[in-house]
C-alpha cells in the first residue's frame, strides 16, 4: 500500500514540477532548437526527471531541469554537428569536378604505399592523428605519452612520411600487396 502511495506522490510531484517549470524549459530549449526538437528535448528532460525525481531537492527543481536541458541540448548539437560535418565533407567530395575518381584512387595507393614504408610507430602516430581524428591530447593518452612527446613524434613521423611519399611515385615503389592489405583494412 505504501508503494502505491509513494508512486502517487511521485506522480503528483512530477505533475506539479511540470506545471510550474515545463513552459520555462520549453522556452529555454526553443531559443536554441527548432520547435519540434525543443518539444522532444523537453520530453526527454521530464523523462530524466521522472527517473531521478527522488534525487531532485525540493526548491531546486528549476535549476536542475535547466541543467539537464542544457546537457541534452549540447549532446543533441554535437550529434547534429557531427552528422552535418560528415554530410558537408561527403558533398564536397562528390562535387569535385577537377579530381576524377582514378586520380583519387592513385593518390590513395600512393599514401598507403608511403605508410607501408614507414615503421610501425610512425604509422600509428599518423593514423591516430589524421585517420582516426584524435586530438593530440587524446592520441597521447592512447600511446601512453605526454602531449608534448606526441607532438614531437607526430612532427618526426610527418617529416618521414613526406620524404617517403615524395621520393618516387607508387608505380616505381611497388610495395607488396600483403604489406598494404593490413593497413587498408583499418582505413576503409
N, C-alpha and C. Protein backbone atom coordinates (compact mmCIF):
# COMPACT_ATOMS: atom_id res chain seq x y z
N UNK A 1 0.82 -1.20 0.00
CA UNK A 1 0.00 0.00 0.00
C UNK A 1 0.86 1.26 0.00
N UNK A 2 2.01 1.20 0.73
CA UNK A 2 2.88 2.38 0.76
C UNK A 2 3.51 2.64 -0.58
N UNK A 3 3.83 1.57 -1.34
CA UNK A 3 4.40 1.76 -2.68
C UNK A 3 3.42 2.51 -3.57
N UNK A 4 2.15 2.16 -3.48
CA UNK A 4 1.14 2.87 -4.27
C UNK A 4 1.06 4.33 -3.85
N UNK A 5 1.13 4.58 -2.55
CA UNK A 5 1.09 5.97 -2.06
C UNK A 5 2.34 6.72 -2.49
N UNK A 6 3.51 6.04 -2.44
CA UNK A 6 4.77 6.67 -2.87
C UNK A 6 4.75 6.99 -4.35
N UNK A 7 4.24 6.04 -5.15
CA UNK A 7 4.15 6.26 -6.60
C UNK A 7 3.17 7.39 -6.90
N UNK A 8 2.07 7.44 -6.17
CA UNK A 8 1.09 8.51 -6.38
C UNK A 8 1.70 9.86 -6.00
N UNK A 9 2.47 9.88 -4.93
CA UNK A 9 3.13 11.12 -4.50
C UNK A 9 4.16 11.55 -5.54
N UNK A 10 4.91 10.58 -6.09
CA UNK A 10 5.89 10.91 -7.13
C UNK A 10 5.21 11.47 -8.37
N UNK A 11 4.10 10.84 -8.78
CA UNK A 11 3.36 11.34 -9.94
C UNK A 11 2.85 12.75 -9.69
N UNK A 12 2.35 12.97 -8.49
CA UNK A 12 1.84 14.30 -8.13
C UNK A 12 2.97 15.33 -8.16
N UNK A 13 4.12 14.96 -7.61
CA UNK A 13 5.26 15.90 -7.59
C UNK A 13 5.72 16.21 -9.01
N UNK A 14 5.85 15.18 -9.86
CA UNK A 14 6.28 15.41 -11.23
C UNK A 14 5.27 16.28 -11.97
N UNK A 15 4.00 16.03 -11.76
CA UNK A 15 2.95 16.83 -12.40
C UNK A 15 3.09 18.29 -11.97
N UNK A 16 3.33 18.51 -10.70
CA UNK A 16 3.48 19.87 -10.18
C UNK A 16 4.75 20.53 -10.74
N UNK A 17 5.84 19.77 -10.79
CA UNK A 17 7.09 20.31 -11.36
C UNK A 17 6.88 20.67 -12.82
N UNK A 18 6.21 19.81 -13.55
CA UNK A 18 5.95 20.10 -14.97
C UNK A 18 5.06 21.32 -15.12
N UNK A 19 4.02 21.40 -14.31
CA UNK A 19 3.10 22.54 -14.38
C UNK A 19 3.84 23.85 -14.10
N UNK A 20 4.73 23.84 -13.10
CA UNK A 20 5.43 25.06 -12.72
C UNK A 20 6.57 25.42 -13.67
N UNK A 21 7.27 24.43 -14.23
CA UNK A 21 8.51 24.71 -14.96
C UNK A 21 8.53 24.25 -16.42
N UNK A 22 7.53 23.52 -16.84
CA UNK A 22 7.53 22.99 -18.21
C UNK A 22 7.63 24.06 -19.27
N UNK A 23 6.85 25.15 -19.13
CA UNK A 23 6.89 26.23 -20.13
C UNK A 23 8.24 26.92 -20.15
N UNK A 24 8.85 27.10 -18.99
CA UNK A 24 10.16 27.76 -18.92
C UNK A 24 11.22 26.89 -19.60
N UNK A 25 11.18 25.59 -19.37
CA UNK A 25 12.14 24.69 -20.00
C UNK A 25 11.92 24.68 -21.51
N UNK A 26 10.66 24.70 -21.94
CA UNK A 26 10.37 24.76 -23.38
C UNK A 26 10.88 26.06 -23.99
N UNK A 27 10.69 27.17 -23.31
CA UNK A 27 11.18 28.46 -23.82
C UNK A 27 12.71 28.43 -23.93
N UNK A 28 13.36 27.86 -22.93
CA UNK A 28 14.82 27.77 -22.92
C UNK A 28 15.33 26.94 -24.10
N UNK A 29 14.71 25.81 -24.34
CA UNK A 29 15.15 24.95 -25.44
C UNK A 29 14.74 25.51 -26.80
N UNK A 30 13.59 26.18 -26.85
CA UNK A 30 13.11 26.76 -28.12
C UNK A 30 14.01 27.88 -28.61
N UNK A 31 14.70 28.53 -27.70
CA UNK A 31 15.61 29.60 -28.11
C UNK A 31 16.82 29.06 -28.85
N UNK A 32 17.09 27.77 -28.71
CA UNK A 32 18.28 27.19 -29.30
C UNK A 32 18.00 26.12 -30.35
N UNK A 33 16.79 25.58 -30.34
CA UNK A 33 16.45 24.49 -31.26
C UNK A 33 15.16 24.83 -32.00
N UNK A 34 14.90 24.12 -33.09
CA UNK A 34 13.62 24.32 -33.75
C UNK A 34 12.50 23.75 -32.87
N UNK A 35 11.29 24.10 -33.17
CA UNK A 35 10.14 23.79 -32.29
C UNK A 35 10.01 22.29 -32.00
N UNK A 36 10.09 21.48 -33.04
CA UNK A 36 9.92 20.04 -32.87
C UNK A 36 11.02 19.45 -32.00
N UNK A 37 12.26 19.81 -32.29
CA UNK A 37 13.38 19.31 -31.47
C UNK A 37 13.27 19.80 -30.04
N UNK A 38 12.83 21.05 -29.85
CA UNK A 38 12.68 21.59 -28.49
C UNK A 38 11.63 20.80 -27.71
N UNK A 39 10.53 20.49 -28.35
CA UNK A 39 9.48 19.71 -27.67
C UNK A 39 9.97 18.31 -27.33
N UNK A 40 10.69 17.69 -28.25
CA UNK A 40 11.25 16.36 -27.98
C UNK A 40 12.23 16.41 -26.81
N UNK A 41 13.03 17.46 -26.79
CA UNK A 41 14.02 17.59 -25.74
C UNK A 41 13.36 17.81 -24.37
N UNK A 42 12.29 18.60 -24.33
CA UNK A 42 11.56 18.80 -23.08
C UNK A 42 11.00 17.46 -22.59
N UNK A 43 10.50 16.67 -23.49
CA UNK A 43 10.01 15.34 -23.11
C UNK A 43 11.14 14.50 -22.51
N UNK A 44 12.33 14.59 -23.11
CA UNK A 44 13.49 13.87 -22.56
C UNK A 44 13.85 14.38 -21.18
N UNK A 45 13.82 15.71 -21.00
CA UNK A 45 14.14 16.31 -19.70
C UNK A 45 13.22 15.76 -18.63
N UNK A 46 11.92 15.71 -18.91
CA UNK A 46 10.99 15.24 -17.89
C UNK A 46 11.01 13.72 -17.74
N UNK A 47 11.48 13.00 -18.74
CA UNK A 47 11.71 11.56 -18.57
C UNK A 47 12.85 11.34 -17.59
N UNK A 48 13.92 12.13 -17.76
CA UNK A 48 15.04 12.06 -16.82
C UNK A 48 14.57 12.46 -15.43
N UNK A 49 13.76 13.51 -15.35
CA UNK A 49 13.24 13.97 -14.06
C UNK A 49 12.42 12.87 -13.39
N UNK A 50 11.62 12.14 -14.13
CA UNK A 50 10.83 11.06 -13.56
C UNK A 50 11.73 9.98 -12.96
N UNK A 51 12.79 9.62 -13.71
CA UNK A 51 13.70 8.58 -13.23
C UNK A 51 14.49 9.05 -12.01
N UNK A 52 14.81 10.33 -11.94
CA UNK A 52 15.66 10.86 -10.88
C UNK A 52 14.90 11.71 -9.87
N UNK A 53 13.60 11.62 -9.86
CA UNK A 53 12.75 12.51 -9.07
C UNK A 53 13.15 12.58 -7.60
N UNK A 54 13.49 11.47 -7.03
CA UNK A 54 13.81 11.45 -5.60
C UNK A 54 15.16 12.09 -5.30
N UNK A 55 16.00 12.28 -6.32
CA UNK A 55 17.29 12.94 -6.08
C UNK A 55 17.22 14.46 -6.31
N UNK A 56 16.09 14.95 -6.78
CA UNK A 56 15.92 16.39 -7.00
C UNK A 56 15.46 17.01 -5.69
N UNK A 57 16.25 17.94 -5.18
CA UNK A 57 15.90 18.57 -3.90
C UNK A 57 14.72 19.52 -4.08
N UNK A 58 13.89 19.55 -3.06
CA UNK A 58 12.75 20.48 -3.04
C UNK A 58 13.27 21.90 -3.21
N UNK A 59 12.63 22.67 -4.05
CA UNK A 59 13.02 24.05 -4.28
C UNK A 59 14.15 24.21 -5.29
N UNK A 60 14.76 23.12 -5.72
CA UNK A 60 15.86 23.17 -6.68
C UNK A 60 15.47 22.56 -8.02
N UNK A 61 14.19 22.38 -8.24
CA UNK A 61 13.74 21.72 -9.45
C UNK A 61 14.10 22.50 -10.71
N UNK A 62 13.85 23.80 -10.71
CA UNK A 62 14.09 24.61 -11.91
C UNK A 62 15.55 24.57 -12.36
N UNK A 63 16.53 24.88 -11.49
CA UNK A 63 17.92 24.79 -11.96
C UNK A 63 18.32 23.37 -12.38
N UNK A 64 17.77 22.39 -11.68
CA UNK A 64 18.08 21.01 -12.04
C UNK A 64 17.57 20.71 -13.45
N UNK A 65 16.32 21.10 -13.73
CA UNK A 65 15.74 20.87 -15.05
C UNK A 65 16.51 21.60 -16.14
N UNK A 66 16.90 22.84 -15.88
CA UNK A 66 17.66 23.59 -16.87
C UNK A 66 19.03 22.97 -17.11
N UNK A 67 19.64 22.45 -16.05
CA UNK A 67 20.93 21.76 -16.21
C UNK A 67 20.81 20.54 -17.10
N UNK A 68 19.76 19.76 -16.87
CA UNK A 68 19.52 18.57 -17.70
C UNK A 68 19.25 19.00 -19.14
N UNK A 69 18.43 20.04 -19.30
CA UNK A 69 18.10 20.52 -20.65
C UNK A 69 19.37 20.99 -21.36
N UNK A 70 20.22 21.69 -20.66
CA UNK A 70 21.46 22.19 -21.26
C UNK A 70 22.35 21.03 -21.73
N UNK A 71 22.53 20.03 -20.87
CA UNK A 71 23.36 18.89 -21.25
C UNK A 71 22.77 18.12 -22.43
N UNK A 72 21.46 17.95 -22.43
CA UNK A 72 20.82 17.25 -23.55
C UNK A 72 20.92 18.06 -24.84
N UNK A 73 20.80 19.40 -24.75
CA UNK A 73 20.95 20.23 -25.95
C UNK A 73 22.37 20.15 -26.49
N UNK A 74 23.36 20.17 -25.60
CA UNK A 74 24.76 20.06 -26.05
C UNK A 74 24.99 18.72 -26.75
N UNK A 75 24.44 17.66 -26.17
CA UNK A 75 24.56 16.35 -26.79
C UNK A 75 23.87 16.33 -28.15
N UNK A 76 22.70 16.92 -28.22
CA UNK A 76 21.94 16.99 -29.47
C UNK A 76 22.71 17.77 -30.53
N UNK A 77 23.28 18.90 -30.15
CA UNK A 77 24.02 19.72 -31.10
C UNK A 77 25.30 19.05 -31.55
N UNK A 78 25.98 18.33 -30.64
CA UNK A 78 27.18 17.59 -31.05
C UNK A 78 26.82 16.53 -32.07
N UNK A 79 25.75 15.81 -31.80
CA UNK A 79 25.31 14.76 -32.73
C UNK A 79 24.94 15.37 -34.07
N UNK A 80 24.17 16.44 -34.03
CA UNK A 80 23.78 17.12 -35.27
C UNK A 80 24.98 17.69 -36.00
N UNK A 81 25.91 18.29 -35.24
CA UNK A 81 27.10 18.89 -35.86
C UNK A 81 27.96 17.84 -36.53
N UNK A 82 28.12 16.70 -35.89
CA UNK A 82 28.91 15.63 -36.47
C UNK A 82 28.26 15.13 -37.76
N UNK A 83 26.97 14.94 -37.74
CA UNK A 83 26.26 14.47 -38.93
C UNK A 83 26.33 15.51 -40.04
N UNK A 84 26.17 16.78 -39.70
CA UNK A 84 26.23 17.85 -40.70
C UNK A 84 27.64 17.96 -41.29
N UNK A 85 28.65 17.84 -40.44
CA UNK A 85 30.03 17.92 -40.93
C UNK A 85 30.32 16.77 -41.88
N UNK A 86 29.85 15.58 -41.55
CA UNK A 86 30.05 14.44 -42.43
C UNK A 86 29.33 14.65 -43.75
N UNK A 87 28.09 15.14 -43.71
CA UNK A 87 27.35 15.43 -44.94
C UNK A 87 28.09 16.45 -45.79
N UNK A 88 28.61 17.50 -45.15
CA UNK A 88 29.35 18.53 -45.88
C UNK A 88 30.61 17.97 -46.52
N UNK A 89 31.32 17.12 -45.77
CA UNK A 89 32.55 16.53 -46.32
C UNK A 89 32.22 15.63 -47.51
N UNK A 90 31.18 14.82 -47.37
CA UNK A 90 30.80 13.94 -48.47
C UNK A 90 30.31 14.73 -49.68
N UNK A 91 29.54 15.78 -49.43
CA UNK A 91 29.04 16.61 -50.51
C UNK A 91 30.21 17.30 -51.24
N UNK A 92 31.16 17.82 -50.48
CA UNK A 92 32.32 18.48 -51.09
C UNK A 92 33.12 17.48 -51.92
N UNK A 93 33.25 16.27 -51.40
CA UNK A 93 33.98 15.25 -52.13
C UNK A 93 33.25 14.88 -53.42
N UNK A 94 31.93 14.75 -53.34
CA UNK A 94 31.14 14.36 -54.51
C UNK A 94 31.09 15.47 -55.55
N UNK A 95 31.19 16.73 -55.12
CA UNK A 95 31.08 17.86 -56.04
C UNK A 95 32.39 18.22 -56.73
N UNK A 96 33.46 17.52 -56.42
CA UNK A 96 34.75 17.87 -57.01
C UNK A 96 34.78 17.43 -58.48
N UNK A 97 34.81 18.42 -59.38
CA UNK A 97 34.87 18.12 -60.81
C UNK A 97 36.31 17.96 -61.31
N UNK A 98 37.23 18.61 -60.62
CA UNK A 98 38.61 18.63 -61.10
C UNK A 98 39.42 17.41 -60.68
N UNK A 99 38.82 16.48 -59.92
CA UNK A 99 39.56 15.34 -59.42
C UNK A 99 38.80 14.05 -59.72
N UNK A 100 39.02 13.48 -60.90
CA UNK A 100 38.30 12.25 -61.24
C UNK A 100 38.66 11.11 -60.29
N UNK A 101 37.80 10.14 -60.23
CA UNK A 101 37.95 9.03 -59.31
C UNK A 101 39.29 8.30 -59.48
N UNK A 102 39.75 8.16 -60.68
CA UNK A 102 41.03 7.48 -60.92
C UNK A 102 42.18 8.19 -60.25
N UNK A 103 42.15 9.51 -60.25
CA UNK A 103 43.21 10.28 -59.62
C UNK A 103 43.16 10.13 -58.10
N UNK A 104 41.97 10.10 -57.55
CA UNK A 104 41.80 9.90 -56.11
C UNK A 104 42.31 8.51 -55.72
N UNK A 105 41.98 7.51 -56.51
CA UNK A 105 42.44 6.15 -56.22
C UNK A 105 43.96 6.07 -56.28
N UNK A 106 44.56 6.73 -57.24
CA UNK A 106 46.02 6.72 -57.35
C UNK A 106 46.66 7.42 -56.15
N UNK A 107 46.06 8.51 -55.70
CA UNK A 107 46.58 9.19 -54.51
C UNK A 107 46.47 8.30 -53.28
N UNK A 108 45.37 7.58 -53.18
CA UNK A 108 45.19 6.67 -52.04
C UNK A 108 46.26 5.59 -52.04
N UNK A 109 46.53 5.03 -53.21
CA UNK A 109 47.56 3.99 -53.31
C UNK A 109 48.91 4.58 -52.94
N UNK A 110 49.20 5.81 -53.38
CA UNK A 110 50.46 6.47 -53.02
C UNK A 110 50.58 6.63 -51.51
N UNK A 111 49.52 7.06 -50.88
CA UNK A 111 49.54 7.27 -49.43
C UNK A 111 49.72 5.94 -48.71
N UNK A 112 48.98 4.91 -49.12
CA UNK A 112 49.10 3.60 -48.49
C UNK A 112 50.50 3.02 -48.66
N UNK A 113 51.08 3.22 -49.82
CA UNK A 113 52.44 2.74 -50.06
C UNK A 113 53.43 3.47 -49.16
N UNK A 114 53.27 4.77 -49.02
CA UNK A 114 54.17 5.53 -48.15
C UNK A 114 53.99 5.09 -46.70
N UNK A 115 52.75 4.87 -46.27
CA UNK A 115 52.52 4.38 -44.90
C UNK A 115 53.17 3.02 -44.69
N UNK A 116 53.06 2.15 -45.67
CA UNK A 116 53.63 0.81 -45.56
C UNK A 116 55.15 0.86 -45.45
N UNK A 117 55.76 1.90 -46.01
CA UNK A 117 57.22 2.02 -45.97
C UNK A 117 57.72 2.55 -44.63
N UNK A 118 56.84 3.10 -43.82
CA UNK A 118 57.24 3.65 -42.52
C UNK A 118 57.30 2.56 -41.46
N UNK A 119 57.98 2.85 -40.36
CA UNK A 119 57.98 1.90 -39.25
C UNK A 119 56.64 1.96 -38.53
N UNK A 120 56.35 0.96 -37.74
CA UNK A 120 55.05 0.84 -37.08
C UNK A 120 54.73 2.04 -36.21
N UNK A 121 55.72 2.55 -35.49
CA UNK A 121 55.48 3.70 -34.61
C UNK A 121 55.04 4.94 -35.37
N UNK A 122 55.71 5.23 -36.48
CA UNK A 122 55.35 6.39 -37.30
C UNK A 122 53.95 6.22 -37.89
N UNK A 123 53.68 5.01 -38.37
CA UNK A 123 52.36 4.73 -38.95
C UNK A 123 51.27 4.95 -37.91
N UNK A 124 51.48 4.43 -36.71
CA UNK A 124 50.47 4.53 -35.66
C UNK A 124 50.20 5.99 -35.30
N UNK A 125 51.24 6.79 -35.16
CA UNK A 125 51.08 8.20 -34.82
C UNK A 125 50.28 8.92 -35.90
N UNK A 126 50.64 8.71 -37.15
CA UNK A 126 49.93 9.38 -38.25
C UNK A 126 48.48 8.93 -38.36
N UNK A 127 48.23 7.64 -38.21
CA UNK A 127 46.87 7.15 -38.32
C UNK A 127 46.00 7.65 -37.17
N UNK A 128 46.54 7.65 -35.96
CA UNK A 128 45.76 8.15 -34.83
C UNK A 128 45.35 9.60 -35.05
N UNK A 129 46.27 10.40 -35.52
CA UNK A 129 46.00 11.83 -35.66
C UNK A 129 45.15 12.16 -36.89
N UNK A 130 45.53 11.61 -38.04
CA UNK A 130 44.90 12.04 -39.28
C UNK A 130 43.79 11.13 -39.78
N UNK A 131 43.87 9.84 -39.50
CA UNK A 131 42.81 8.96 -39.99
C UNK A 131 41.69 8.83 -38.96
N UNK A 132 42.09 8.54 -37.71
CA UNK A 132 41.09 8.36 -36.67
C UNK A 132 40.71 9.68 -36.00
N UNK A 133 41.35 10.76 -36.40
CA UNK A 133 40.99 12.12 -36.00
C UNK A 133 41.04 12.35 -34.48
N UNK A 134 42.04 11.75 -33.82
CA UNK A 134 42.24 12.02 -32.40
C UNK A 134 42.92 13.37 -32.25
N UNK A 135 42.58 14.08 -31.17
CA UNK A 135 43.33 15.30 -30.85
C UNK A 135 44.71 14.86 -30.37
N UNK A 136 45.63 15.80 -30.30
CA UNK A 136 46.96 15.47 -29.81
C UNK A 136 46.92 14.91 -28.41
N UNK A 137 46.10 15.50 -27.55
CA UNK A 137 45.99 15.04 -26.15
C UNK A 137 45.41 13.62 -26.09
N UNK A 138 44.38 13.34 -26.88
CA UNK A 138 43.76 12.01 -26.86
C UNK A 138 44.69 10.96 -27.46
N UNK A 139 45.37 11.31 -28.53
CA UNK A 139 46.32 10.37 -29.14
C UNK A 139 47.46 10.07 -28.18
N UNK A 140 47.93 11.10 -27.47
CA UNK A 140 48.98 10.90 -26.47
C UNK A 140 48.51 9.95 -25.39
N UNK A 141 47.26 10.08 -25.00
CA UNK A 141 46.69 9.18 -23.99
C UNK A 141 46.65 7.74 -24.51
N UNK A 142 46.28 7.57 -25.76
CA UNK A 142 46.25 6.23 -26.35
C UNK A 142 47.65 5.61 -26.34
N UNK A 143 48.65 6.43 -26.66
CA UNK A 143 50.02 5.93 -26.73
C UNK A 143 50.72 5.90 -25.38
N UNK A 144 50.10 6.49 -24.37
CA UNK A 144 50.71 6.49 -23.05
C UNK A 144 51.90 7.43 -22.92
N UNK A 145 51.83 8.56 -23.60
CA UNK A 145 52.91 9.54 -23.51
C UNK A 145 52.29 10.92 -23.28
N UNK A 146 53.13 11.90 -23.08
CA UNK A 146 52.64 13.26 -22.86
C UNK A 146 52.24 13.88 -24.20
N UNK A 147 51.38 14.89 -24.16
CA UNK A 147 51.03 15.58 -25.41
C UNK A 147 52.26 16.18 -26.12
N UNK A 148 53.21 16.65 -25.34
CA UNK A 148 54.43 17.21 -25.96
C UNK A 148 55.22 16.12 -26.67
N UNK A 149 55.34 14.95 -26.03
CA UNK A 149 56.05 13.84 -26.68
C UNK A 149 55.31 13.40 -27.94
N UNK A 150 53.98 13.38 -27.87
CA UNK A 150 53.21 13.01 -29.06
C UNK A 150 53.45 14.02 -30.18
N UNK A 151 53.49 15.31 -29.85
CA UNK A 151 53.71 16.34 -30.87
C UNK A 151 55.06 16.14 -31.55
N UNK A 152 56.07 15.78 -30.78
CA UNK A 152 57.40 15.53 -31.36
C UNK A 152 57.34 14.30 -32.27
N UNK A 153 56.70 13.23 -31.78
CA UNK A 153 56.57 12.02 -32.59
C UNK A 153 55.81 12.30 -33.89
N UNK A 154 54.75 13.07 -33.77
CA UNK A 154 53.95 13.40 -34.95
C UNK A 154 54.77 14.21 -35.95
N UNK A 155 55.50 15.18 -35.47
CA UNK A 155 56.32 16.01 -36.37
C UNK A 155 57.34 15.13 -37.10
N UNK A 156 58.01 14.26 -36.37
CA UNK A 156 59.02 13.39 -36.99
C UNK A 156 58.37 12.41 -37.97
N UNK A 157 57.25 11.84 -37.58
CA UNK A 157 56.56 10.89 -38.47
C UNK A 157 56.08 11.59 -39.73
N UNK A 158 55.57 12.80 -39.58
CA UNK A 158 55.10 13.57 -40.74
C UNK A 158 56.27 13.86 -41.67
N UNK A 159 57.41 14.23 -41.12
CA UNK A 159 58.59 14.52 -41.94
C UNK A 159 59.05 13.26 -42.68
N UNK A 160 59.07 12.12 -41.99
CA UNK A 160 59.50 10.87 -42.64
C UNK A 160 58.48 10.43 -43.71
N UNK A 161 57.18 10.60 -43.41
CA UNK A 161 56.15 10.27 -44.39
C UNK A 161 56.34 11.11 -45.65
N UNK A 162 56.53 12.40 -45.47
CA UNK A 162 56.70 13.30 -46.62
C UNK A 162 57.91 12.89 -47.45
N UNK A 163 59.00 12.54 -46.78
CA UNK A 163 60.20 12.12 -47.50
C UNK A 163 59.94 10.86 -48.32
N UNK A 164 59.26 9.88 -47.73
CA UNK A 164 58.97 8.63 -48.44
C UNK A 164 57.96 8.88 -49.56
N UNK A 165 56.94 9.66 -49.28
CA UNK A 165 55.89 9.93 -50.25
C UNK A 165 56.42 10.71 -51.45
N UNK A 166 57.29 11.67 -51.20
CA UNK A 166 57.82 12.50 -52.29
C UNK A 166 58.96 11.83 -53.04
N UNK A 167 59.49 10.75 -52.49
CA UNK A 167 60.67 10.10 -53.06
C UNK A 167 60.44 9.60 -54.48
N UNK A 168 59.42 8.78 -54.68
CA UNK A 168 59.15 8.28 -56.02
C UNK A 168 57.69 7.86 -56.11
N UNK A 169 57.11 7.90 -57.27
CA UNK A 169 55.71 7.52 -57.44
C UNK A 169 55.49 6.05 -57.12
N UNK A 170 54.25 5.72 -56.83
CA UNK A 170 53.90 4.36 -56.44
C UNK A 170 54.22 3.34 -57.53
N UNK A 171 54.13 3.73 -58.75
CA UNK A 171 54.42 2.79 -59.85
C UNK A 171 55.84 2.26 -59.74
N UNK A 172 56.76 3.09 -59.23
CA UNK A 172 58.15 2.66 -59.11
C UNK A 172 58.41 1.95 -57.78
N UNK A 173 57.59 2.23 -56.75
CA UNK A 173 57.84 1.64 -55.44
C UNK A 173 57.35 0.20 -55.37
N UNK A 174 56.22 -0.07 -55.95
CA UNK A 174 55.56 -1.38 -55.96
C UNK A 174 55.72 -2.18 -54.66
N UNK A 175 55.12 -1.70 -53.56
CA UNK A 175 55.16 -2.48 -52.32
C UNK A 175 54.33 -3.75 -52.48
N UNK A 176 54.62 -4.72 -51.69
CA UNK A 176 53.87 -5.97 -51.80
C UNK A 176 52.42 -5.76 -51.40
N UNK A 177 51.55 -6.49 -52.03
CA UNK A 177 50.12 -6.37 -51.73
C UNK A 177 49.86 -6.78 -50.29
N UNK A 178 50.60 -7.73 -49.77
CA UNK A 178 50.38 -8.19 -48.40
C UNK A 178 50.68 -7.08 -47.40
N UNK A 179 51.72 -6.27 -47.67
CA UNK A 179 52.07 -5.22 -46.71
C UNK A 179 51.02 -4.12 -46.68
N UNK A 180 50.29 -3.92 -47.77
CA UNK A 180 49.26 -2.88 -47.80
C UNK A 180 47.92 -3.38 -47.27
N UNK A 181 47.67 -4.66 -47.40
CA UNK A 181 46.35 -5.19 -47.06
C UNK A 181 45.98 -4.90 -45.62
N UNK A 182 46.90 -5.09 -44.69
CA UNK A 182 46.59 -4.87 -43.28
C UNK A 182 46.20 -3.44 -43.01
N UNK A 183 46.85 -2.50 -43.65
CA UNK A 183 46.55 -1.09 -43.42
C UNK A 183 45.27 -0.69 -44.11
N UNK A 184 45.01 -1.28 -45.26
CA UNK A 184 43.79 -0.93 -45.99
C UNK A 184 42.57 -1.38 -45.22
N UNK A 185 42.67 -2.52 -44.50
CA UNK A 185 41.53 -2.97 -43.71
C UNK A 185 41.13 -1.92 -42.68
N UNK A 186 42.11 -1.35 -42.02
CA UNK A 186 41.83 -0.34 -41.00
C UNK A 186 41.44 0.99 -41.56
N UNK A 187 41.70 1.25 -42.82
CA UNK A 187 41.45 2.55 -43.40
C UNK A 187 40.16 2.60 -44.20
N UNK A 188 39.49 1.51 -44.33
CA UNK A 188 38.26 1.52 -45.13
C UNK A 188 37.05 1.72 -44.30
